[in-house]
Amino acid sequence: MNKLDILKAKIIDLNKLDSFLAYLRFKNQKIVFTNGCFDIVHRGHIEYLAQAASYGDVLIIGLNTDSSVQRIKGINRPVQDEYARAITLASMQFVNAVILFDEETPYNLIKTVQPDILIKGSDYKAEDIIGYDIVKAKGGEVITIDFIDGYSTTSIINKLKK
C-alpha cells in the first residue's frame, strides 16, 4: 500500500463504519470523537485536533459534506471540496479516521460511533454539545478545548478578499 492509499484508507465510508468500530472495540480502544467543516485547515484546527487526540487511543473526525457545509455556512462555502478536506485531515498522524456526514449535526453519527470522549471547542457549554446525552448515558466524557485567538477559516477568507 503506498502512502496515498494509507491516507485514503483513513476516510471511512459509512457502510464500512460498523466493522471499523467493532475492530476498535475488540482492541479496547478509547475512542475520541469531534466534528466540523474544517474548510481551510489552519494552526487553530491542528492544535485543537492534536489536543483532542491526546484524550484517547483513536481520534475519529466527523466531517460535514459539501452540501451540509452549504446549508450551515452559506452558498459560497466550502472553499475546498469534501475530498480535499478529508484527505487533509487524514494526513495528520494523530487522526485515525475521517467520516463524512450529510446532516447539519453529527447526532446520528455520534449515536453510531458511541465515543468514549466527545470533544468540541470551548465556544460551547458541554451540556449544549450535540451528542452530550449519548456520551453521558454510556458513562463517557464531554470535553471542551480552548481555541487559539485569531485563527478561523472566516478570518482567513476575509484576509484573502482584501
N, C-alpha and C. Protein backbone atom coordinates (compact mmCIF):
# COMPACT_ATOMS: atom_id res chain seq x y z
N MET A 1 0.86 -1.18 0.00
CA MET A 1 0.00 0.00 0.00
C MET A 1 0.90 1.24 0.00
N ASN A 2 0.68 2.14 -0.97
CA ASN A 2 1.50 3.35 -0.98
C ASN A 2 0.96 4.37 0.03
N LYS A 3 1.69 5.44 0.22
CA LYS A 3 1.35 6.41 1.27
C LYS A 3 0.00 7.08 1.02
N LEU A 4 -0.33 7.38 -0.23
CA LEU A 4 -1.63 7.98 -0.53
C LEU A 4 -2.76 7.00 -0.20
N ASP A 5 -2.57 5.73 -0.50
CA ASP A 5 -3.59 4.73 -0.17
C ASP A 5 -3.79 4.62 1.34
N ILE A 6 -2.72 4.79 2.10
CA ILE A 6 -2.82 4.76 3.56
C ILE A 6 -3.71 5.91 4.03
N LEU A 7 -3.51 7.10 3.45
CA LEU A 7 -4.35 8.25 3.82
C LEU A 7 -5.80 8.01 3.41
N LYS A 8 -6.01 7.53 2.20
CA LYS A 8 -7.38 7.29 1.72
C LYS A 8 -8.09 6.25 2.59
N ALA A 9 -7.34 5.29 3.13
CA ALA A 9 -7.94 4.26 3.98
C ALA A 9 -8.45 4.84 5.30
N LYS A 10 -7.97 6.00 5.68
CA LYS A 10 -8.46 6.65 6.90
C LYS A 10 -9.82 7.31 6.69
N ILE A 11 -10.22 7.50 5.44
CA ILE A 11 -11.54 8.07 5.13
C ILE A 11 -12.51 6.89 5.06
N ILE A 12 -13.27 6.74 6.13
CA ILE A 12 -14.12 5.56 6.31
C ILE A 12 -15.51 5.81 5.74
N ASP A 13 -15.92 4.97 4.82
CA ASP A 13 -17.26 5.04 4.25
C ASP A 13 -18.27 4.57 5.30
N LEU A 14 -19.44 5.19 5.31
CA LEU A 14 -20.45 4.83 6.31
C LEU A 14 -20.80 3.35 6.29
N ASN A 15 -20.79 2.72 5.11
CA ASN A 15 -21.16 1.29 5.07
C ASN A 15 -20.05 0.38 5.59
N LYS A 16 -18.85 0.93 5.85
CA LYS A 16 -17.76 0.14 6.45
C LYS A 16 -17.52 0.53 7.90
N LEU A 17 -18.31 1.47 8.39
CA LEU A 17 -18.09 2.00 9.72
C LEU A 17 -18.29 0.96 10.82
N ASP A 18 -19.33 0.14 10.70
CA ASP A 18 -19.61 -0.85 11.75
C ASP A 18 -18.44 -1.80 11.98
N SER A 19 -17.83 -2.29 10.90
CA SER A 19 -16.71 -3.22 11.07
C SER A 19 -15.49 -2.51 11.65
N PHE A 20 -15.27 -1.26 11.25
CA PHE A 20 -14.16 -0.48 11.81
C PHE A 20 -14.35 -0.28 13.31
N LEU A 21 -15.57 0.08 13.71
CA LEU A 21 -15.86 0.30 15.13
C LEU A 21 -15.77 -1.01 15.92
N ALA A 22 -16.23 -2.11 15.34
CA ALA A 22 -16.14 -3.41 16.01
C ALA A 22 -14.67 -3.77 16.28
N TYR A 23 -13.81 -3.48 15.32
CA TYR A 23 -12.38 -3.74 15.49
C TYR A 23 -11.82 -2.90 16.64
N LEU A 24 -12.19 -1.63 16.69
CA LEU A 24 -11.70 -0.75 17.76
C LEU A 24 -12.18 -1.24 19.13
N ARG A 25 -13.42 -1.66 19.19
CA ARG A 25 -13.97 -2.14 20.47
C ARG A 25 -13.30 -3.45 20.88
N PHE A 26 -13.05 -4.32 19.90
CA PHE A 26 -12.35 -5.58 20.18
C PHE A 26 -10.96 -5.30 20.75
N LYS A 27 -10.31 -4.27 20.25
CA LYS A 27 -8.97 -3.88 20.72
C LYS A 27 -9.03 -3.02 21.98
N ASN A 28 -10.26 -2.77 22.49
CA ASN A 28 -10.47 -1.98 23.70
C ASN A 28 -9.86 -0.58 23.60
N GLN A 29 -10.04 0.02 22.44
CA GLN A 29 -9.50 1.36 22.19
C GLN A 29 -10.45 2.43 22.74
N LYS A 30 -9.88 3.44 23.37
CA LYS A 30 -10.67 4.58 23.85
C LYS A 30 -10.88 5.52 22.66
N ILE A 31 -12.14 5.70 22.27
CA ILE A 31 -12.49 6.46 21.07
C ILE A 31 -12.82 7.91 21.43
N VAL A 32 -12.13 8.82 20.76
CA VAL A 32 -12.39 10.25 20.88
C VAL A 32 -13.05 10.69 19.57
N PHE A 33 -14.10 11.50 19.69
CA PHE A 33 -14.82 11.99 18.51
C PHE A 33 -14.93 13.50 18.56
N THR A 34 -14.72 14.12 17.42
CA THR A 34 -15.03 15.53 17.24
C THR A 34 -15.55 15.69 15.83
N ASN A 35 -16.05 16.85 15.52
CA ASN A 35 -16.60 17.07 14.18
C ASN A 35 -16.45 18.53 13.77
N GLY A 36 -16.64 18.76 12.49
CA GLY A 36 -16.60 20.13 11.98
C GLY A 36 -16.55 20.15 10.47
N CYS A 37 -16.43 21.38 9.94
CA CYS A 37 -16.32 21.59 8.50
C CYS A 37 -14.88 21.54 8.03
N PHE A 38 -13.96 22.08 8.84
CA PHE A 38 -12.52 22.07 8.55
C PHE A 38 -12.24 22.47 7.10
N ASP A 39 -12.77 23.64 6.74
CA ASP A 39 -12.72 24.08 5.35
C ASP A 39 -11.31 24.47 4.90
N ILE A 40 -10.71 25.41 5.56
CA ILE A 40 -9.32 25.77 5.28
C ILE A 40 -8.56 25.47 6.57
N VAL A 41 -7.87 24.35 6.60
CA VAL A 41 -7.21 23.91 7.83
C VAL A 41 -6.09 24.88 8.18
N HIS A 42 -6.07 25.30 9.44
CA HIS A 42 -5.10 26.28 9.93
C HIS A 42 -4.55 25.83 11.28
N ARG A 43 -3.65 26.63 11.81
CA ARG A 43 -2.99 26.30 13.08
C ARG A 43 -4.00 25.99 14.19
N GLY A 44 -5.06 26.75 14.28
CA GLY A 44 -6.08 26.50 15.30
C GLY A 44 -6.67 25.11 15.20
N HIS A 45 -6.99 24.69 13.98
CA HIS A 45 -7.51 23.33 13.78
C HIS A 45 -6.50 22.28 14.21
N ILE A 46 -5.25 22.47 13.77
CA ILE A 46 -4.22 21.46 14.04
C ILE A 46 -3.99 21.29 15.54
N GLU A 47 -3.88 22.41 16.26
CA GLU A 47 -3.65 22.30 17.70
C GLU A 47 -4.87 21.74 18.42
N TYR A 48 -6.07 22.13 17.99
CA TYR A 48 -7.30 21.59 18.55
C TYR A 48 -7.36 20.06 18.37
N LEU A 49 -7.10 19.60 17.16
CA LEU A 49 -7.17 18.16 16.88
C LEU A 49 -6.07 17.38 17.60
N ALA A 50 -4.88 17.96 17.69
CA ALA A 50 -3.79 17.29 18.42
C ALA A 50 -4.16 17.14 19.89
N GLN A 51 -4.74 18.19 20.47
CA GLN A 51 -5.18 18.09 21.88
C GLN A 51 -6.28 17.05 22.02
N ALA A 52 -7.24 17.07 21.10
CA ALA A 52 -8.34 16.10 21.16
C ALA A 52 -7.80 14.68 21.12
N ALA A 53 -6.85 14.42 20.24
CA ALA A 53 -6.28 13.08 20.10
C ALA A 53 -5.62 12.60 21.38
N SER A 54 -5.11 13.52 22.17
CA SER A 54 -4.39 13.14 23.39
C SER A 54 -5.31 12.57 24.47
N TYR A 55 -6.62 12.69 24.31
CA TYR A 55 -7.56 12.19 25.31
C TYR A 55 -7.89 10.70 25.16
N GLY A 56 -7.42 10.07 24.10
CA GLY A 56 -7.75 8.66 23.91
C GLY A 56 -6.77 7.96 23.01
N ASP A 57 -7.18 6.78 22.54
CA ASP A 57 -6.33 5.97 21.67
C ASP A 57 -6.58 6.24 20.19
N VAL A 58 -7.81 6.61 19.86
CA VAL A 58 -8.22 6.78 18.47
C VAL A 58 -9.01 8.08 18.34
N LEU A 59 -8.64 8.89 17.36
CA LEU A 59 -9.39 10.12 17.08
C LEU A 59 -10.17 9.93 15.79
N ILE A 60 -11.49 10.04 15.91
CA ILE A 60 -12.39 9.98 14.76
C ILE A 60 -12.97 11.37 14.55
N ILE A 61 -12.91 11.83 13.30
CA ILE A 61 -13.46 13.14 12.97
C ILE A 61 -14.69 12.96 12.08
N GLY A 62 -15.81 13.52 12.52
CA GLY A 62 -16.99 13.62 11.67
C GLY A 62 -16.84 14.87 10.83
N LEU A 63 -16.87 14.73 9.52
CA LEU A 63 -16.65 15.85 8.60
C LEU A 63 -17.91 16.13 7.80
N ASN A 64 -18.39 17.37 7.88
CA ASN A 64 -19.57 17.76 7.12
C ASN A 64 -19.31 17.62 5.62
N THR A 65 -20.27 17.05 4.89
CA THR A 65 -20.18 17.00 3.43
C THR A 65 -20.30 18.41 2.87
N ASP A 66 -20.03 18.55 1.58
CA ASP A 66 -20.14 19.86 0.93
C ASP A 66 -21.55 20.44 1.08
N SER A 67 -22.56 19.61 0.82
CA SER A 67 -23.94 20.12 0.90
C SER A 67 -24.31 20.50 2.33
N SER A 68 -23.80 19.77 3.30
CA SER A 68 -24.04 20.10 4.70
C SER A 68 -23.39 21.44 5.06
N VAL A 69 -22.16 21.66 4.60
CA VAL A 69 -21.47 22.93 4.86
C VAL A 69 -22.25 24.08 4.24
N GLN A 70 -22.74 23.91 3.02
CA GLN A 70 -23.51 24.97 2.36
C GLN A 70 -24.76 25.32 3.15
N ARG A 71 -25.43 24.32 3.67
CA ARG A 71 -26.64 24.59 4.46
C ARG A 71 -26.31 25.36 5.74
N ILE A 72 -25.14 25.09 6.32
CA ILE A 72 -24.75 25.73 7.58
C ILE A 72 -24.10 27.09 7.35
N LYS A 73 -23.18 27.17 6.39
CA LYS A 73 -22.32 28.35 6.22
C LYS A 73 -22.71 29.25 5.05
N GLY A 74 -23.53 28.74 4.14
CA GLY A 74 -23.94 29.56 3.00
C GLY A 74 -23.40 29.04 1.68
N ILE A 75 -23.92 29.61 0.61
CA ILE A 75 -23.68 29.13 -0.75
C ILE A 75 -22.21 29.20 -1.17
N ASN A 76 -21.43 30.12 -0.61
CA ASN A 76 -20.03 30.27 -1.01
C ASN A 76 -19.07 29.35 -0.25
N ARG A 77 -19.59 28.48 0.55
CA ARG A 77 -18.75 27.55 1.29
C ARG A 77 -19.21 26.13 0.98
N PRO A 78 -18.36 25.17 1.07
CA PRO A 78 -16.97 25.28 1.49
C PRO A 78 -16.07 25.79 0.35
N VAL A 79 -14.91 26.27 0.74
CA VAL A 79 -13.91 26.68 -0.23
C VAL A 79 -13.29 25.44 -0.87
N GLN A 80 -12.99 24.45 -0.05
CA GLN A 80 -12.42 23.19 -0.52
C GLN A 80 -13.50 22.11 -0.51
N ASP A 81 -13.47 21.23 -1.50
CA ASP A 81 -14.48 20.18 -1.54
C ASP A 81 -14.23 19.14 -0.44
N GLU A 82 -15.21 18.28 -0.24
CA GLU A 82 -15.15 17.33 0.88
C GLU A 82 -13.96 16.37 0.80
N TYR A 83 -13.60 15.95 -0.41
CA TYR A 83 -12.44 15.06 -0.52
C TYR A 83 -11.16 15.79 -0.12
N ALA A 84 -11.00 17.02 -0.57
CA ALA A 84 -9.81 17.80 -0.22
C ALA A 84 -9.73 17.99 1.29
N ARG A 85 -10.86 18.28 1.91
CA ARG A 85 -10.88 18.48 3.37
C ARG A 85 -10.59 17.16 4.09
N ALA A 86 -11.18 16.07 3.60
CA ALA A 86 -10.99 14.76 4.24
C ALA A 86 -9.55 14.28 4.13
N ILE A 87 -8.94 14.41 2.97
CA ILE A 87 -7.57 13.91 2.79
C ILE A 87 -6.59 14.78 3.58
N THR A 88 -6.88 16.07 3.71
CA THR A 88 -6.04 16.95 4.53
C THR A 88 -6.06 16.49 5.98
N LEU A 89 -7.25 16.23 6.50
CA LEU A 89 -7.37 15.75 7.88
C LEU A 89 -6.71 14.38 8.04
N ALA A 90 -6.92 13.50 7.07
CA ALA A 90 -6.35 12.15 7.14
C ALA A 90 -4.82 12.18 7.13
N SER A 91 -4.25 13.24 6.60
CA SER A 91 -2.78 13.33 6.53
C SER A 91 -2.14 13.59 7.89
N MET A 92 -2.94 13.97 8.87
CA MET A 92 -2.40 14.24 10.21
C MET A 92 -2.19 12.90 10.93
N GLN A 93 -1.00 12.71 11.46
CA GLN A 93 -0.67 11.41 12.06
C GLN A 93 -1.54 11.06 13.25
N PHE A 94 -2.08 12.04 13.94
CA PHE A 94 -2.90 11.77 15.12
C PHE A 94 -4.37 11.57 14.79
N VAL A 95 -4.75 11.66 13.53
CA VAL A 95 -6.13 11.41 13.09
C VAL A 95 -6.20 9.97 12.59
N ASN A 96 -7.10 9.19 13.18
CA ASN A 96 -7.23 7.78 12.80
C ASN A 96 -8.30 7.53 11.77
N ALA A 97 -9.35 8.36 11.76
CA ALA A 97 -10.44 8.15 10.81
C ALA A 97 -11.18 9.45 10.57
N VAL A 98 -11.64 9.61 9.33
CA VAL A 98 -12.48 10.73 8.94
C VAL A 98 -13.74 10.13 8.32
N ILE A 99 -14.89 10.58 8.82
CA ILE A 99 -16.17 10.05 8.34
C ILE A 99 -17.04 11.21 7.90
N LEU A 100 -17.45 11.20 6.64
CA LEU A 100 -18.32 12.25 6.11
C LEU A 100 -19.76 12.02 6.57
N PHE A 101 -20.43 13.11 6.94
CA PHE A 101 -21.86 13.01 7.27
C PHE A 101 -22.59 14.17 6.62
N ASP A 102 -23.82 13.92 6.18
CA ASP A 102 -24.56 14.88 5.37
C ASP A 102 -25.58 15.70 6.16
N GLU A 103 -25.83 15.33 7.39
CA GLU A 103 -26.79 16.08 8.20
C GLU A 103 -26.14 17.38 8.69
N GLU A 104 -26.98 18.27 9.21
CA GLU A 104 -26.44 19.52 9.74
C GLU A 104 -25.78 19.33 11.10
N THR A 105 -26.15 18.26 11.81
CA THR A 105 -25.49 17.94 13.07
C THR A 105 -24.98 16.49 13.00
N PRO A 106 -23.99 16.16 13.82
CA PRO A 106 -23.45 14.80 13.80
C PRO A 106 -24.18 13.84 14.74
N TYR A 107 -25.40 14.19 15.17
CA TYR A 107 -26.08 13.39 16.18
C TYR A 107 -26.16 11.91 15.82
N ASN A 108 -26.62 11.61 14.60
CA ASN A 108 -26.76 10.20 14.20
C ASN A 108 -25.40 9.51 14.11
N LEU A 109 -24.39 10.23 13.67
CA LEU A 109 -23.05 9.65 13.60
C LEU A 109 -22.51 9.36 15.00
N ILE A 110 -22.74 10.28 15.92
CA ILE A 110 -22.31 10.06 17.31
C ILE A 110 -23.04 8.85 17.90
N LYS A 111 -24.32 8.72 17.57
CA LYS A 111 -25.10 7.57 18.05
C LYS A 111 -24.50 6.26 17.53
N THR A 112 -24.00 6.28 16.31
CA THR A 112 -23.37 5.08 15.72
C THR A 112 -21.99 4.83 16.31
N VAL A 113 -21.17 5.87 16.40
CA VAL A 113 -19.79 5.73 16.87
C VAL A 113 -19.73 5.38 18.35
N GLN A 114 -20.63 5.96 19.15
CA GLN A 114 -20.63 5.75 20.60
C GLN A 114 -19.24 6.04 21.20
N PRO A 115 -18.74 7.27 21.01
CA PRO A 115 -17.39 7.57 21.51
C PRO A 115 -17.32 7.55 23.03
N ASP A 116 -16.13 7.29 23.53
CA ASP A 116 -15.88 7.38 24.97
C ASP A 116 -15.73 8.84 25.38
N ILE A 117 -15.20 9.64 24.47
CA ILE A 117 -14.98 11.06 24.73
C ILE A 117 -15.44 11.86 23.53
N LEU A 118 -16.26 12.87 23.79
CA LEU A 118 -16.75 13.78 22.77
C LEU A 118 -16.11 15.14 23.02
N ILE A 119 -15.52 15.72 21.98
CA ILE A 119 -14.80 16.98 22.15
C ILE A 119 -15.32 18.02 21.17
N LYS A 120 -15.48 19.24 21.69
CA LYS A 120 -15.81 20.41 20.86
C LYS A 120 -15.03 21.59 21.41
N GLY A 121 -15.11 22.70 20.68
CA GLY A 121 -14.44 23.92 21.12
C GLY A 121 -15.14 24.53 22.32
N SER A 122 -14.39 25.35 23.04
CA SER A 122 -14.93 25.94 24.28
C SER A 122 -15.94 27.06 24.01
N ASP A 123 -16.28 27.30 22.74
CA ASP A 123 -17.37 28.22 22.45
C ASP A 123 -18.72 27.55 22.74
N TYR A 124 -18.69 26.29 23.09
CA TYR A 124 -19.88 25.54 23.51
C TYR A 124 -19.82 25.26 25.01
N LYS A 125 -21.00 25.22 25.65
CA LYS A 125 -21.07 24.66 27.00
C LYS A 125 -21.23 23.15 26.81
N ALA A 126 -20.56 22.37 27.63
CA ALA A 126 -20.56 20.91 27.45
C ALA A 126 -21.96 20.34 27.29
N GLU A 127 -22.88 20.77 28.14
CA GLU A 127 -24.23 20.19 28.11
C GLU A 127 -25.03 20.61 26.87
N ASP A 128 -24.55 21.60 26.13
CA ASP A 128 -25.23 22.03 24.90
C ASP A 128 -24.66 21.37 23.64
N ILE A 129 -23.63 20.59 23.79
CA ILE A 129 -22.97 19.96 22.64
C ILE A 129 -23.83 18.81 22.12
N ILE A 130 -24.04 18.81 20.80
CA ILE A 130 -24.79 17.73 20.16
C ILE A 130 -24.13 16.40 20.50
N GLY A 131 -24.90 15.46 21.01
CA GLY A 131 -24.39 14.14 21.37
C GLY A 131 -24.04 14.00 22.84
N TYR A 132 -24.14 15.10 23.59
CA TYR A 132 -23.85 15.08 25.03
C TYR A 132 -24.63 13.95 25.71
N ASP A 133 -25.93 13.88 25.41
CA ASP A 133 -26.80 12.88 26.05
C ASP A 133 -26.34 11.45 25.74
N ILE A 134 -25.91 11.20 24.52
CA ILE A 134 -25.47 9.86 24.12
C ILE A 134 -24.22 9.45 24.89
N VAL A 135 -23.25 10.34 24.91
CA VAL A 135 -21.96 10.03 25.53
C VAL A 135 -22.10 9.91 27.04
N LYS A 136 -22.84 10.82 27.67
CA LYS A 136 -23.02 10.77 29.12
C LYS A 136 -23.80 9.53 29.54
N ALA A 137 -24.78 9.12 28.73
CA ALA A 137 -25.60 7.94 29.06
C ALA A 137 -24.77 6.67 29.13
N LYS A 138 -23.67 6.62 28.39
CA LYS A 138 -22.81 5.43 28.43
C LYS A 138 -21.61 5.62 29.34
N GLY A 139 -21.61 6.69 30.14
CA GLY A 139 -20.54 6.92 31.10
C GLY A 139 -19.31 7.61 30.53
N GLY A 140 -19.45 8.19 29.34
CA GLY A 140 -18.32 8.87 28.70
C GLY A 140 -18.17 10.31 29.17
N GLU A 141 -17.17 10.97 28.60
CA GLU A 141 -16.87 12.36 28.94
C GLU A 141 -17.14 13.27 27.76
N VAL A 142 -17.57 14.49 28.07
CA VAL A 142 -17.71 15.54 27.07
C VAL A 142 -16.77 16.66 27.50
N ILE A 143 -15.84 17.01 26.63
CA ILE A 143 -14.76 17.95 26.97
C ILE A 143 -14.75 19.08 25.96
N THR A 144 -14.49 20.29 26.46
CA THR A 144 -14.30 21.42 25.57
C THR A 144 -12.84 21.85 25.59
N ILE A 145 -12.36 22.29 24.44
CA ILE A 145 -10.97 22.72 24.27
C ILE A 145 -10.96 24.17 23.81
N ASP A 146 -10.11 24.97 24.42
CA ASP A 146 -9.99 26.38 24.03
C ASP A 146 -9.42 26.50 22.63
N PHE A 147 -9.94 27.49 21.90
CA PHE A 147 -9.40 27.82 20.59
C PHE A 147 -8.24 28.79 20.74
N ILE A 148 -7.42 28.89 19.71
CA ILE A 148 -6.35 29.88 19.67
C ILE A 148 -6.93 31.14 19.05
N ASP A 149 -6.84 32.25 19.76
CA ASP A 149 -7.38 33.51 19.24
C ASP A 149 -6.74 33.88 17.91
N GLY A 150 -7.56 34.41 17.02
CA GLY A 150 -7.06 34.93 15.76
C GLY A 150 -7.00 33.92 14.62
N TYR A 151 -7.40 32.69 14.88
CA TYR A 151 -7.35 31.67 13.84
C TYR A 151 -8.75 31.15 13.55
N SER A 152 -9.24 31.45 12.36
CA SER A 152 -10.52 30.91 11.92
C SER A 152 -10.53 30.92 10.39
N THR A 153 -11.30 30.02 9.83
CA THR A 153 -11.43 29.96 8.38
C THR A 153 -12.01 31.26 7.85
N THR A 154 -13.02 31.79 8.54
CA THR A 154 -13.64 33.04 8.10
C THR A 154 -12.63 34.18 8.07
N SER A 155 -11.77 34.28 9.10
CA SER A 155 -10.78 35.37 9.10
C SER A 155 -9.77 35.19 7.96
N ILE A 156 -9.42 33.96 7.63
CA ILE A 156 -8.52 33.72 6.50
C ILE A 156 -9.18 34.15 5.19
N ILE A 157 -10.43 33.78 5.01
CA ILE A 157 -11.17 34.16 3.80
C ILE A 157 -11.25 35.68 3.70
N ASN A 158 -11.55 36.35 4.81
CA ASN A 158 -11.65 37.81 4.80
C ASN A 158 -10.32 38.47 4.46
N LYS A 159 -9.22 37.93 4.96
CA LYS A 159 -7.89 38.46 4.62
C LYS A 159 -7.61 38.30 3.13
N LEU A 160 -7.99 37.18 2.56
CA LEU A 160 -7.76 36.94 1.14
C LEU A 160 -8.58 37.87 0.25
N LYS A 161 -9.74 38.30 0.74
CA LYS A 161 -10.60 39.19 -0.03
C LYS A 161 -10.06 40.61 -0.10
N LYS A 162 -9.19 40.98 0.85
CA LYS A 162 -8.66 42.35 0.90
C LYS A 162 -7.68 42.63 -0.21
